Amino acid sequence: GNRNNSALYLKGPQGAGKSSIVDDFIRHYVIGLDLCYQGGSAPLKNNFNSELSGKLMVLFEELENMGKAEWMAVSCKLKRQITSKTIQIERKGKDVRDETNLNNYILLSNNDCIQDDEGRRYFILDISTKYVGNKDYFKKLHSCFNDAVGQAFYSYLLEIDIKDYDPQSYPMTQSKLDSFSKRLDNVFLFIKNEFILKKLPINKI
């Protein structure tokens, strides 16, 4: 029932197993479908967002690429919901009401759907591509997904001491660094591509 004030961002190639762990296992067998939302960007782009009410895990899968203006509006709303203790829930034909924000956000994507993932709100995990295309591996993995394993995993999580846990204090990952580099100013991007990556000296003029 605890809420993080950072979101997990899993970006990697199709077939790496992102959905297998988060959706097929955790959503179905650890937390349960009634306490999870899995879908697209509709609750972020529209006023009506009743799907998020009372959800412990919110899984945004394959957020579409948006224009800059559209993304900034969505980003402001998402960032606010990641850290806010309350959330405004609006249903059709009903008044807007403030509720306790229980949402923990996970974003899955094969592409760069987040255009401003700097700062501590987004923990971008490194995704292994070791088993991409390995159908036998994922078949064996999925054969372990059941209620008994989900209950055992949940019990294990309850034993972890999170007294000093800070959800915004996480290790720097290569994926996070790669994300920074893609948004470099043109001058720094030129220096990186023409000198640093080519291991050439930068002569002072």
N, C-alpha and C. Protein backbone atom coordinates (compact mmCIF):
# COMPACT_ATOMS: atom_id res chain seq x y z
N GLY A 1 0.79 -1.22 0.00
CA GLY A 1 0.00 0.00 0.00
C GLY A 1 0.82 1.26 0.00
N ASN A 2 2.15 1.16 0.09
CA ASN A 2 2.98 2.36 0.06
C ASN A 2 3.08 2.91 -1.36
N ARG A 3 3.24 4.23 -1.46
CA ARG A 3 3.33 4.87 -2.76
C ARG A 3 4.72 5.48 -2.94
N ASN A 4 5.34 5.19 -4.08
CA ASN A 4 6.62 5.79 -4.42
C ASN A 4 6.39 7.17 -5.01
N ASN A 5 7.37 8.05 -4.88
CA ASN A 5 7.29 9.34 -5.57
C ASN A 5 8.29 9.39 -6.72
N SER A 6 8.49 8.23 -7.33
CA SER A 6 9.22 8.12 -8.58
C SER A 6 8.56 7.02 -9.40
N ALA A 7 8.74 7.08 -10.72
CA ALA A 7 8.14 6.09 -11.61
C ALA A 7 9.23 5.23 -12.23
N LEU A 8 8.93 3.97 -12.43
CA LEU A 8 9.83 3.07 -13.14
C LEU A 8 9.58 3.22 -14.64
N TYR A 9 10.66 3.39 -15.36
CA TYR A 9 10.57 3.56 -16.81
C TYR A 9 11.40 2.46 -17.46
N LEU A 10 10.71 1.50 -18.10
CA LEU A 10 11.37 0.38 -18.75
C LEU A 10 11.29 0.57 -20.26
N LYS A 11 12.41 0.95 -20.86
CA LYS A 11 12.47 1.15 -22.30
C LYS A 11 13.47 0.16 -22.89
N GLY A 12 13.00 -0.64 -23.82
CA GLY A 12 13.87 -1.63 -24.43
C GLY A 12 13.21 -2.25 -25.64
N PRO A 13 13.93 -3.07 -26.36
CA PRO A 13 13.39 -3.65 -27.60
C PRO A 13 12.24 -4.62 -27.32
N GLN A 14 11.41 -4.78 -28.31
CA GLN A 14 10.30 -5.73 -28.21
C GLN A 14 10.85 -7.14 -28.01
N GLY A 15 10.23 -7.88 -27.08
CA GLY A 15 10.65 -9.24 -26.83
C GLY A 15 11.68 -9.39 -25.74
N ALA A 16 12.01 -8.27 -25.04
CA ALA A 16 13.00 -8.35 -23.97
C ALA A 16 12.40 -8.85 -22.66
N GLY A 17 11.08 -8.90 -22.57
CA GLY A 17 10.43 -9.43 -21.37
C GLY A 17 9.89 -8.39 -20.41
N LYS A 18 9.76 -7.15 -20.86
CA LYS A 18 9.26 -6.08 -19.98
C LYS A 18 7.86 -6.40 -19.47
N SER A 19 6.97 -6.77 -20.37
CA SER A 19 5.59 -7.05 -19.98
C SER A 19 5.46 -8.37 -19.21
N SER A 20 6.36 -9.30 -19.47
CA SER A 20 6.28 -10.61 -18.82
C SER A 20 6.32 -10.47 -17.30
N ILE A 21 7.27 -9.69 -16.79
CA ILE A 21 7.43 -9.56 -15.35
C ILE A 21 6.38 -8.64 -14.76
N VAL A 22 6.24 -7.46 -15.35
CA VAL A 22 5.38 -6.43 -14.75
C VAL A 22 3.90 -6.75 -14.93
N ASP A 23 3.51 -7.08 -16.15
CA ASP A 23 2.09 -7.30 -16.44
C ASP A 23 1.67 -8.74 -16.17
N ASP A 24 2.32 -9.69 -16.83
CA ASP A 24 1.88 -11.08 -16.75
C ASP A 24 2.07 -11.68 -15.36
N PHE A 25 3.07 -11.20 -14.60
CA PHE A 25 3.31 -11.76 -13.27
C PHE A 25 2.82 -10.85 -12.15
N ILE A 26 3.41 -9.66 -12.02
CA ILE A 26 3.10 -8.80 -10.87
C ILE A 26 1.64 -8.35 -10.90
N ARG A 27 1.14 -7.91 -12.05
CA ARG A 27 -0.24 -7.42 -12.11
C ARG A 27 -1.25 -8.54 -11.88
N HIS A 28 -0.99 -9.70 -12.48
CA HIS A 28 -1.96 -10.79 -12.40
C HIS A 28 -1.87 -11.60 -11.11
N TYR A 29 -0.65 -11.84 -10.61
CA TYR A 29 -0.49 -12.82 -9.54
C TYR A 29 0.06 -12.26 -8.22
N VAL A 30 0.55 -11.03 -8.21
CA VAL A 30 1.10 -10.46 -6.97
C VAL A 30 0.16 -9.40 -6.40
N ILE A 31 -0.20 -8.42 -7.21
CA ILE A 31 -1.08 -7.35 -6.73
C ILE A 31 -2.54 -7.66 -7.02
N GLY A 32 -2.82 -8.15 -8.20
CA GLY A 32 -4.20 -8.48 -8.56
C GLY A 32 -4.79 -7.45 -9.50
N LEU A 33 -5.66 -7.90 -10.39
CA LEU A 33 -6.21 -7.04 -11.43
C LEU A 33 -7.06 -5.91 -10.87
N ASP A 34 -7.76 -6.15 -9.76
CA ASP A 34 -8.65 -5.13 -9.21
C ASP A 34 -7.89 -3.91 -8.68
N LEU A 35 -6.62 -4.10 -8.33
CA LEU A 35 -5.84 -3.01 -7.76
C LEU A 35 -4.84 -2.43 -8.76
N CYS A 36 -4.98 -2.81 -10.03
CA CYS A 36 -4.05 -2.34 -11.06
C CYS A 36 -4.79 -1.74 -12.24
N TYR A 37 -4.13 -0.81 -12.89
CA TYR A 37 -4.62 -0.29 -14.17
C TYR A 37 -3.55 -0.54 -15.21
N GLN A 38 -3.97 -1.05 -16.35
CA GLN A 38 -3.05 -1.27 -17.47
C GLN A 38 -3.70 -0.71 -18.72
N GLY A 39 -2.99 0.23 -19.37
CA GLY A 39 -3.57 0.83 -20.57
C GLY A 39 -2.67 1.90 -21.14
N GLY A 40 -3.28 2.74 -21.99
CA GLY A 40 -2.55 3.79 -22.66
C GLY A 40 -2.65 5.13 -21.95
N SER A 41 -2.53 6.20 -22.73
CA SER A 41 -2.40 7.54 -22.16
C SER A 41 -3.73 8.24 -21.90
N ALA A 42 -4.85 7.58 -22.13
CA ALA A 42 -6.16 8.23 -22.00
C ALA A 42 -6.36 8.93 -20.65
N PRO A 43 -6.03 8.30 -19.50
CA PRO A 43 -6.23 8.99 -18.23
C PRO A 43 -5.35 10.22 -18.04
N LEU A 44 -4.30 10.35 -18.84
CA LEU A 44 -3.42 11.51 -18.77
C LEU A 44 -3.85 12.61 -19.73
N LYS A 45 -4.49 12.24 -20.83
CA LYS A 45 -4.85 13.21 -21.86
C LYS A 45 -6.27 13.71 -21.71
N ASN A 46 -7.14 12.92 -21.07
CA ASN A 46 -8.54 13.31 -20.92
C ASN A 46 -8.83 13.75 -19.50
N ASN A 47 -9.93 14.46 -19.33
CA ASN A 47 -10.32 14.88 -17.98
C ASN A 47 -10.81 13.70 -17.15
N PHE A 48 -11.43 12.73 -17.79
CA PHE A 48 -12.00 11.61 -17.07
C PHE A 48 -10.92 10.56 -16.80
N ASN A 49 -10.69 10.30 -15.52
CA ASN A 49 -9.59 9.40 -15.15
C ASN A 49 -9.97 8.46 -14.02
N SER A 50 -11.23 8.06 -13.99
CA SER A 50 -11.71 7.20 -12.89
C SER A 50 -10.97 5.87 -12.83
N GLU A 51 -10.30 5.48 -13.94
CA GLU A 51 -9.57 4.21 -13.96
C GLU A 51 -8.45 4.19 -12.92
N LEU A 52 -7.96 5.37 -12.53
CA LEU A 52 -6.83 5.44 -11.61
C LEU A 52 -7.24 5.41 -10.14
N SER A 53 -8.52 5.52 -9.87
CA SER A 53 -9.00 5.58 -8.49
C SER A 53 -8.72 4.28 -7.74
N GLY A 54 -7.99 4.39 -6.63
CA GLY A 54 -7.74 3.24 -5.77
C GLY A 54 -6.79 2.20 -6.32
N LYS A 55 -6.02 2.55 -7.36
CA LYS A 55 -5.10 1.58 -7.97
C LYS A 55 -3.72 1.69 -7.33
N LEU A 56 -3.18 0.53 -6.94
CA LEU A 56 -1.83 0.51 -6.36
C LEU A 56 -0.76 0.55 -7.45
N MET A 57 -1.04 -0.08 -8.57
CA MET A 57 -0.07 -0.08 -9.67
C MET A 57 -0.74 0.43 -10.94
N VAL A 58 -0.14 1.44 -11.55
CA VAL A 58 -0.63 1.99 -12.81
C VAL A 58 0.43 1.71 -13.87
N LEU A 59 0.05 0.91 -14.84
CA LEU A 59 0.98 0.47 -15.88
C LEU A 59 0.60 1.12 -17.20
N PHE A 60 1.39 2.10 -17.63
CA PHE A 60 1.20 2.72 -18.93
C PHE A 60 2.09 1.97 -19.92
N GLU A 61 1.44 1.29 -20.85
CA GLU A 61 2.19 0.46 -21.80
C GLU A 61 2.14 1.06 -23.19
N GLU A 62 3.31 1.27 -23.75
CA GLU A 62 3.46 1.82 -25.10
C GLU A 62 2.75 3.16 -25.26
N LEU A 63 3.17 4.15 -24.42
CA LEU A 63 2.68 5.50 -24.64
C LEU A 63 3.11 5.96 -26.03
N GLU A 64 2.17 6.55 -26.75
CA GLU A 64 2.48 6.95 -28.12
C GLU A 64 3.40 8.17 -28.15
N ASN A 65 4.11 8.34 -29.25
CA ASN A 65 4.93 9.53 -29.43
C ASN A 65 4.01 10.73 -29.66
N MET A 66 4.26 11.80 -28.92
CA MET A 66 3.40 12.97 -28.99
C MET A 66 4.22 14.18 -29.44
N GLY A 67 3.49 15.20 -29.96
CA GLY A 67 4.13 16.46 -30.27
C GLY A 67 4.59 17.13 -28.99
N LYS A 68 5.46 18.11 -29.13
CA LYS A 68 6.05 18.74 -27.96
C LYS A 68 4.99 19.38 -27.06
N ALA A 69 4.06 20.12 -27.65
CA ALA A 69 3.03 20.80 -26.85
C ALA A 69 2.13 19.79 -26.14
N GLU A 70 1.73 18.75 -26.86
CA GLU A 70 0.86 17.73 -26.26
C GLU A 70 1.59 17.00 -25.14
N TRP A 71 2.87 16.69 -25.38
CA TRP A 71 3.63 15.98 -24.36
C TRP A 71 3.81 16.81 -23.10
N MET A 72 4.07 18.10 -23.24
CA MET A 72 4.30 18.94 -22.07
C MET A 72 3.07 18.96 -21.18
N ALA A 73 1.88 18.98 -21.78
CA ALA A 73 0.65 18.95 -20.98
C ALA A 73 0.52 17.62 -20.25
N VAL A 74 0.81 16.53 -20.96
CA VAL A 74 0.74 15.20 -20.34
C VAL A 74 1.81 15.06 -19.27
N SER A 75 3.01 15.55 -19.55
CA SER A 75 4.13 15.43 -18.62
C SER A 75 3.86 16.16 -17.31
N CYS A 76 3.31 17.35 -17.39
CA CYS A 76 3.00 18.12 -16.17
C CYS A 76 2.02 17.34 -15.29
N LYS A 77 1.03 16.74 -15.91
CA LYS A 77 0.03 15.98 -15.16
C LYS A 77 0.65 14.73 -14.56
N LEU A 78 1.45 14.03 -15.34
CA LEU A 78 2.06 12.79 -14.87
C LEU A 78 3.03 13.06 -13.73
N LYS A 79 3.89 14.06 -13.88
CA LYS A 79 4.85 14.38 -12.83
C LYS A 79 4.15 14.75 -11.53
N ARG A 80 3.07 15.50 -11.65
CA ARG A 80 2.32 15.88 -10.46
C ARG A 80 1.73 14.66 -9.76
N GLN A 81 1.21 13.74 -10.57
CA GLN A 81 0.59 12.54 -9.98
C GLN A 81 1.62 11.58 -9.39
N ILE A 82 2.82 11.58 -9.92
CA ILE A 82 3.86 10.70 -9.39
C ILE A 82 4.21 11.09 -7.96
N THR A 83 4.21 12.38 -7.66
CA THR A 83 4.69 12.85 -6.36
C THR A 83 3.60 13.32 -5.41
N SER A 84 2.41 13.61 -5.92
CA SER A 84 1.37 14.19 -5.08
C SER A 84 0.74 13.16 -4.14
N LYS A 85 0.41 13.59 -2.93
CA LYS A 85 -0.24 12.71 -1.96
C LYS A 85 -1.72 12.51 -2.27
N THR A 86 -2.29 13.41 -3.06
CA THR A 86 -3.70 13.28 -3.45
C THR A 86 -3.80 13.32 -4.96
N ILE A 87 -4.92 12.86 -5.47
CA ILE A 87 -5.16 12.86 -6.91
C ILE A 87 -6.60 13.28 -7.15
N GLN A 88 -6.82 14.10 -8.17
CA GLN A 88 -8.17 14.51 -8.53
C GLN A 88 -8.76 13.48 -9.49
N ILE A 89 -9.87 12.90 -9.08
CA ILE A 89 -10.56 11.89 -9.88
C ILE A 89 -11.85 12.49 -10.42
N GLU A 90 -12.03 12.37 -11.73
CA GLU A 90 -13.23 12.90 -12.37
C GLU A 90 -13.92 11.80 -13.16
N ARG A 91 -15.20 11.62 -12.84
CA ARG A 91 -16.04 10.66 -13.56
C ARG A 91 -17.07 11.41 -14.39
N LYS A 92 -17.53 10.81 -15.45
CA LYS A 92 -18.52 11.46 -16.31
C LYS A 92 -19.79 11.74 -15.52
N GLY A 93 -20.23 12.99 -15.57
CA GLY A 93 -21.46 13.38 -14.89
C GLY A 93 -21.31 13.55 -13.39
N LYS A 94 -20.09 13.49 -12.88
CA LYS A 94 -19.85 13.61 -11.44
C LYS A 94 -18.89 14.77 -11.18
N ASP A 95 -18.98 15.33 -9.96
CA ASP A 95 -18.05 16.38 -9.57
C ASP A 95 -16.66 15.81 -9.36
N VAL A 96 -15.65 16.63 -9.59
CA VAL A 96 -14.28 16.22 -9.33
C VAL A 96 -14.08 16.07 -7.83
N ARG A 97 -13.40 15.02 -7.42
CA ARG A 97 -13.14 14.80 -6.00
C ARG A 97 -11.68 14.45 -5.78
N ASP A 98 -11.17 14.93 -4.65
CA ASP A 98 -9.80 14.59 -4.26
C ASP A 98 -9.79 13.28 -3.51
N GLU A 99 -8.85 12.40 -3.88
CA GLU A 99 -8.68 11.12 -3.21
C GLU A 99 -7.23 10.95 -2.80
N THR A 100 -6.99 10.08 -1.83
CA THR A 100 -5.62 9.71 -1.50
C THR A 100 -5.00 9.03 -2.70
N ASN A 101 -3.82 9.48 -3.05
CA ASN A 101 -3.13 8.95 -4.23
C ASN A 101 -2.37 7.68 -3.84
N LEU A 102 -2.83 6.55 -4.34
CA LEU A 102 -2.19 5.26 -4.08
C LEU A 102 -1.34 4.79 -5.26
N ASN A 103 -1.38 5.54 -6.35
CA ASN A 103 -0.78 5.10 -7.61
C ASN A 103 0.74 4.97 -7.55
N ASN A 104 1.24 3.84 -8.01
CA ASN A 104 2.66 3.64 -8.29
C ASN A 104 2.78 3.41 -9.79
N TYR A 105 3.57 4.24 -10.46
CA TYR A 105 3.58 4.26 -11.91
C TYR A 105 4.74 3.47 -12.50
N ILE A 106 4.42 2.70 -13.53
CA ILE A 106 5.42 1.98 -14.32
C ILE A 106 5.11 2.25 -15.79
N LEU A 107 6.13 2.64 -16.53
CA LEU A 107 5.96 2.93 -17.95
C LEU A 107 6.80 1.96 -18.76
N LEU A 108 6.16 1.30 -19.73
CA LEU A 108 6.84 0.36 -20.61
C LEU A 108 6.80 0.91 -22.03
N SER A 109 7.94 0.85 -22.71
CA SER A 109 7.96 1.36 -24.08
C SER A 109 9.11 0.75 -24.87
N ASN A 110 8.87 0.58 -26.17
CA ASN A 110 9.94 0.18 -27.08
C ASN A 110 10.65 1.41 -27.65
N ASN A 111 10.04 2.59 -27.46
CA ASN A 111 10.58 3.82 -28.04
C ASN A 111 10.75 4.88 -26.96
N ASP A 112 11.25 6.04 -27.36
CA ASP A 112 11.42 7.17 -26.44
C ASP A 112 10.09 7.89 -26.28
N CYS A 113 9.25 7.40 -25.38
CA CYS A 113 7.95 8.04 -25.19
C CYS A 113 8.03 9.20 -24.21
N ILE A 114 9.04 9.21 -23.33
CA ILE A 114 9.20 10.28 -22.35
C ILE A 114 10.22 11.28 -22.89
N GLN A 115 9.80 12.53 -23.01
CA GLN A 115 10.67 13.53 -23.62
C GLN A 115 11.39 14.40 -22.60
N ASP A 116 11.09 14.24 -21.32
CA ASP A 116 11.77 15.04 -20.29
C ASP A 116 11.97 14.19 -19.03
N ASP A 117 12.78 13.14 -19.17
CA ASP A 117 12.96 12.21 -18.06
C ASP A 117 14.17 12.54 -17.19
N GLU A 118 14.57 13.81 -17.18
CA GLU A 118 15.64 14.23 -16.29
C GLU A 118 15.12 14.24 -14.85
N GLY A 119 16.02 14.46 -13.90
CA GLY A 119 15.60 14.55 -12.51
C GLY A 119 15.38 13.20 -11.88
N ARG A 120 14.73 13.21 -10.72
CA ARG A 120 14.61 12.01 -9.91
C ARG A 120 13.23 11.35 -9.99
N ARG A 121 12.34 11.88 -10.81
CA ARG A 121 11.00 11.28 -10.89
C ARG A 121 10.98 9.99 -11.69
N TYR A 122 11.92 9.85 -12.64
CA TYR A 122 11.92 8.67 -13.50
C TYR A 122 13.19 7.84 -13.26
N PHE A 123 12.98 6.60 -12.82
CA PHE A 123 14.10 5.66 -12.68
C PHE A 123 14.10 4.81 -13.94
N ILE A 124 15.06 5.07 -14.83
CA ILE A 124 15.13 4.36 -16.11
C ILE A 124 16.01 3.14 -15.93
N LEU A 125 15.43 1.97 -15.99
CA LEU A 125 16.16 0.74 -15.75
C LEU A 125 16.89 0.28 -17.01
N ASP A 126 18.01 -0.38 -16.82
CA ASP A 126 18.71 -1.02 -17.93
C ASP A 126 18.02 -2.35 -18.24
N ILE A 127 17.63 -2.54 -19.48
CA ILE A 127 16.89 -3.74 -19.89
C ILE A 127 17.83 -4.69 -20.64
N SER A 128 17.94 -5.90 -20.14
CA SER A 128 18.77 -6.90 -20.80
C SER A 128 18.10 -7.39 -22.09
N THR A 129 18.90 -7.57 -23.12
CA THR A 129 18.38 -8.11 -24.39
C THR A 129 18.84 -9.55 -24.61
N LYS A 130 19.34 -10.16 -23.55
CA LYS A 130 19.94 -11.49 -23.65
C LYS A 130 18.97 -12.53 -24.20
N TYR A 131 17.69 -12.43 -23.79
CA TYR A 131 16.75 -13.49 -24.16
C TYR A 131 15.74 -13.06 -25.23
N VAL A 132 16.02 -11.98 -25.92
CA VAL A 132 15.13 -11.56 -27.00
C VAL A 132 15.05 -12.66 -28.06
N GLY A 133 13.85 -13.08 -28.37
CA GLY A 133 13.66 -14.12 -29.38
C GLY A 133 13.81 -15.54 -28.87
N ASN A 134 14.15 -15.70 -27.57
CA ASN A 134 14.32 -17.03 -27.00
C ASN A 134 12.97 -17.53 -26.46
N LYS A 135 12.21 -18.17 -27.30
CA LYS A 135 10.85 -18.60 -26.94
C LYS A 135 10.87 -19.65 -25.82
N ASP A 136 11.87 -20.52 -25.83
CA ASP A 136 11.95 -21.56 -24.80
C ASP A 136 12.13 -20.95 -23.41
N TYR A 137 12.98 -19.92 -23.33
CA TYR A 137 13.22 -19.27 -22.04
C TYR A 137 11.93 -18.66 -21.50
N PHE A 138 11.22 -17.93 -22.33
CA PHE A 138 10.00 -17.26 -21.86
C PHE A 138 8.87 -18.25 -21.61
N LYS A 139 8.88 -19.36 -22.32
CA LYS A 139 7.89 -20.40 -22.05
C LYS A 139 8.10 -20.98 -20.66
N LYS A 140 9.37 -21.25 -20.30
CA LYS A 140 9.69 -21.77 -18.96
C LYS A 140 9.37 -20.72 -17.89
N LEU A 141 9.69 -19.45 -18.19
CA LEU A 141 9.42 -18.37 -17.23
C LEU A 141 7.93 -18.26 -16.95
N HIS A 142 7.13 -18.25 -17.99
CA HIS A 142 5.68 -18.10 -17.82
C HIS A 142 5.06 -19.31 -17.13
N SER A 143 5.70 -20.46 -17.24
CA SER A 143 5.15 -21.66 -16.58
C SER A 143 5.23 -21.54 -15.05
N CYS A 144 6.06 -20.59 -14.56
CA CYS A 144 6.19 -20.36 -13.11
C CYS A 144 5.17 -19.37 -12.58
N PHE A 145 4.42 -18.71 -13.46
CA PHE A 145 3.49 -17.68 -13.03
C PHE A 145 2.19 -18.32 -12.57
N ASN A 146 1.94 -18.29 -11.27
CA ASN A 146 0.68 -18.79 -10.72
C ASN A 146 0.45 -18.12 -9.36
N ASP A 147 -0.69 -18.40 -8.75
CA ASP A 147 -1.05 -17.75 -7.49
C ASP A 147 -0.08 -18.11 -6.37
N ALA A 148 0.39 -19.35 -6.33
CA ALA A 148 1.29 -19.77 -5.25
C ALA A 148 2.62 -19.02 -5.32
N VAL A 149 3.17 -18.89 -6.52
CA VAL A 149 4.42 -18.16 -6.70
C VAL A 149 4.21 -16.68 -6.41
N GLY A 150 3.07 -16.15 -6.85
CA GLY A 150 2.76 -14.74 -6.59
C GLY A 150 2.65 -14.45 -5.10
N GLN A 151 2.02 -15.36 -4.35
CA GLN A 151 1.89 -15.18 -2.90
C GLN A 151 3.25 -15.29 -2.22
N ALA A 152 4.07 -16.22 -2.66
CA ALA A 152 5.40 -16.37 -2.07
C ALA A 152 6.25 -15.13 -2.34
N PHE A 153 6.15 -14.59 -3.54
CA PHE A 153 6.91 -13.39 -3.89
C PHE A 153 6.43 -12.20 -3.06
N TYR A 154 5.12 -12.08 -2.88
CA TYR A 154 4.55 -10.99 -2.08
C TYR A 154 5.01 -11.11 -0.63
N SER A 155 5.01 -12.32 -0.10
CA SER A 155 5.47 -12.53 1.29
C SER A 155 6.94 -12.16 1.43
N TYR A 156 7.73 -12.48 0.41
CA TYR A 156 9.15 -12.11 0.42
C TYR A 156 9.31 -10.59 0.46
N LEU A 157 8.51 -9.89 -0.32
CA LEU A 157 8.61 -8.43 -0.35
C LEU A 157 8.28 -7.82 1.02
N LEU A 158 7.33 -8.42 1.73
CA LEU A 158 6.94 -7.90 3.05
C LEU A 158 8.07 -8.02 4.07
N GLU A 159 9.01 -8.91 3.83
CA GLU A 159 10.12 -9.11 4.77
C GLU A 159 11.26 -8.13 4.56
N ILE A 160 11.23 -7.36 3.47
CA ILE A 160 12.31 -6.41 3.18
C ILE A 160 12.15 -5.17 4.05
N ASP A 161 13.22 -4.77 4.71
CA ASP A 161 13.20 -3.59 5.57
C ASP A 161 13.30 -2.33 4.69
N ILE A 162 12.22 -1.54 4.67
CA ILE A 162 12.20 -0.32 3.86
C ILE A 162 12.15 0.93 4.74
N LYS A 163 12.59 0.80 5.98
CA LYS A 163 12.53 1.91 6.94
C LYS A 163 13.29 3.13 6.41
N ASP A 164 14.46 2.91 5.83
CA ASP A 164 15.28 4.02 5.33
C ASP A 164 15.22 4.13 3.81
N TYR A 165 14.20 3.56 3.22
CA TYR A 165 14.10 3.55 1.75
C TYR A 165 13.70 4.93 1.23
N ASP A 166 14.41 5.40 0.23
CA ASP A 166 14.10 6.66 -0.44
C ASP A 166 13.88 6.36 -1.92
N PRO A 167 12.64 6.45 -2.41
CA PRO A 167 12.35 6.07 -3.79
C PRO A 167 13.00 6.96 -4.84
N GLN A 168 13.51 8.12 -4.43
CA GLN A 168 14.19 8.99 -5.38
C GLN A 168 15.71 8.90 -5.26
N SER A 169 16.18 7.96 -4.44
CA SER A 169 17.61 7.74 -4.31
C SER A 169 17.94 6.39 -4.94
N TYR A 170 18.20 6.40 -6.22
CA TYR A 170 18.46 5.16 -6.94
C TYR A 170 19.76 5.28 -7.73
N PRO A 171 20.36 4.18 -8.12
CA PRO A 171 21.64 4.23 -8.85
C PRO A 171 21.47 4.80 -10.25
N MET A 172 22.51 5.47 -10.71
CA MET A 172 22.52 5.94 -12.10
C MET A 172 22.70 4.74 -13.03
N THR A 173 21.89 4.70 -14.07
CA THR A 173 21.95 3.59 -15.03
C THR A 173 22.46 4.09 -16.38
N GLN A 174 22.90 3.16 -17.19
CA GLN A 174 23.35 3.53 -18.53
C GLN A 174 22.19 4.08 -19.35
N SER A 175 21.00 3.54 -19.14
CA SER A 175 19.82 4.03 -19.86
C SER A 175 19.51 5.47 -19.51
N LYS A 176 19.71 5.82 -18.24
CA LYS A 176 19.49 7.21 -17.82
C LYS A 176 20.52 8.13 -18.48
N LEU A 177 21.78 7.70 -18.51
CA LEU A 177 22.82 8.50 -19.15
C LEU A 177 22.56 8.65 -20.65
N ASP A 178 22.11 7.57 -21.28
CA ASP A 178 21.78 7.63 -22.71
C ASP A 178 20.66 8.63 -22.97
N SER A 179 19.70 8.65 -22.04
CA SER A 179 18.58 9.58 -22.18
C SER A 179 19.06 11.02 -22.08
N PHE A 180 19.99 11.28 -21.15
CA PHE A 180 20.56 12.62 -21.03
C PHE A 180 21.24 13.04 -22.34
N SER A 181 22.02 12.12 -22.90
CA SER A 181 22.82 12.45 -24.08
C SER A 181 21.94 12.78 -25.29
N LYS A 182 20.76 12.17 -25.38
CA LYS A 182 19.88 12.42 -26.51
C LYS A 182 19.28 13.82 -26.46
N ARG A 183 19.32 14.44 -25.28
CA ARG A 183 18.71 15.76 -25.13
C ARG A 183 19.75 16.85 -24.90
N LEU A 184 20.98 16.58 -25.31
CA LEU A 184 22.03 17.57 -25.17
C LEU A 184 21.78 18.77 -26.09
N ASP A 185 22.24 19.93 -25.64
CA ASP A 185 22.23 21.10 -26.49
C ASP A 185 23.06 20.80 -27.75
N ASN A 186 22.72 21.46 -28.87
CA ASN A 186 23.38 21.17 -30.14
C ASN A 186 24.89 21.34 -30.07
N VAL A 187 25.35 22.32 -29.31
CA VAL A 187 26.80 22.55 -29.19
C VAL A 187 27.46 21.36 -28.50
N PHE A 188 26.89 20.92 -27.38
CA PHE A 188 27.45 19.79 -26.65
C PHE A 188 27.32 18.50 -27.46
N LEU A 189 26.23 18.38 -28.21
CA LEU A 189 26.04 17.20 -29.05
C LEU A 189 27.11 17.14 -30.14
N PHE A 190 27.45 18.29 -30.71
CA PHE A 190 28.50 18.36 -31.72
C PHE A 190 29.85 17.95 -31.13
N ILE A 191 30.16 18.47 -29.95
CA ILE A 191 31.43 18.13 -29.29
C ILE A 191 31.49 16.64 -29.00
N LYS A 192 30.37 16.09 -28.55
CA LYS A 192 30.34 14.66 -28.24
C LYS A 192 30.60 13.82 -29.49
N ASN A 193 29.86 14.13 -30.57
CA ASN A 193 29.94 13.31 -31.78
C ASN A 193 31.26 13.48 -32.54
N GLU A 194 31.76 14.71 -32.56
CA GLU A 194 32.93 14.99 -33.39
C GLU A 194 34.26 14.82 -32.65
N PHE A 195 34.24 14.88 -31.32
CA PHE A 195 35.50 14.81 -30.59
C PHE A 195 35.54 13.67 -29.57
N ILE A 196 34.54 13.64 -28.67
CA ILE A 196 34.59 12.66 -27.59
C ILE A 196 34.46 11.23 -28.12
N LEU A 197 33.43 10.98 -28.94
CA LEU A 197 33.23 9.62 -29.45
C LEU A 197 34.34 9.19 -30.40
N LYS A 198 34.93 10.16 -31.10
CA LYS A 198 36.03 9.85 -32.01
C LYS A 198 37.39 9.91 -31.31
N LYS A 199 37.36 10.23 -30.01
CA LYS A 199 38.57 10.31 -29.19
C LYS A 199 39.61 11.25 -29.79
N LEU A 200 39.11 12.38 -30.26
CA LEU A 200 39.99 13.40 -30.83
C LEU A 200 40.17 14.54 -29.83
N PRO A 201 41.35 15.16 -29.80
CA PRO A 201 41.56 16.29 -28.87
C PRO A 201 40.82 17.53 -29.32
N ILE A 202 40.40 18.33 -28.37
CA ILE A 202 39.76 19.60 -28.67
C ILE A 202 40.81 20.69 -28.48
N ASN A 203 41.27 21.26 -29.60
CA ASN A 203 42.32 22.28 -29.54
C ASN A 203 41.73 23.64 -29.20
N LYS A 204 42.36 24.31 -28.28
CA LYS A 204 41.92 25.65 -27.93
C LYS A 204 42.30 26.62 -29.05
N ILE A 205 41.39 27.53 -29.35
CA ILE A 205 41.66 28.52 -30.38
C ILE A 205 42.22 29.77 -29.74
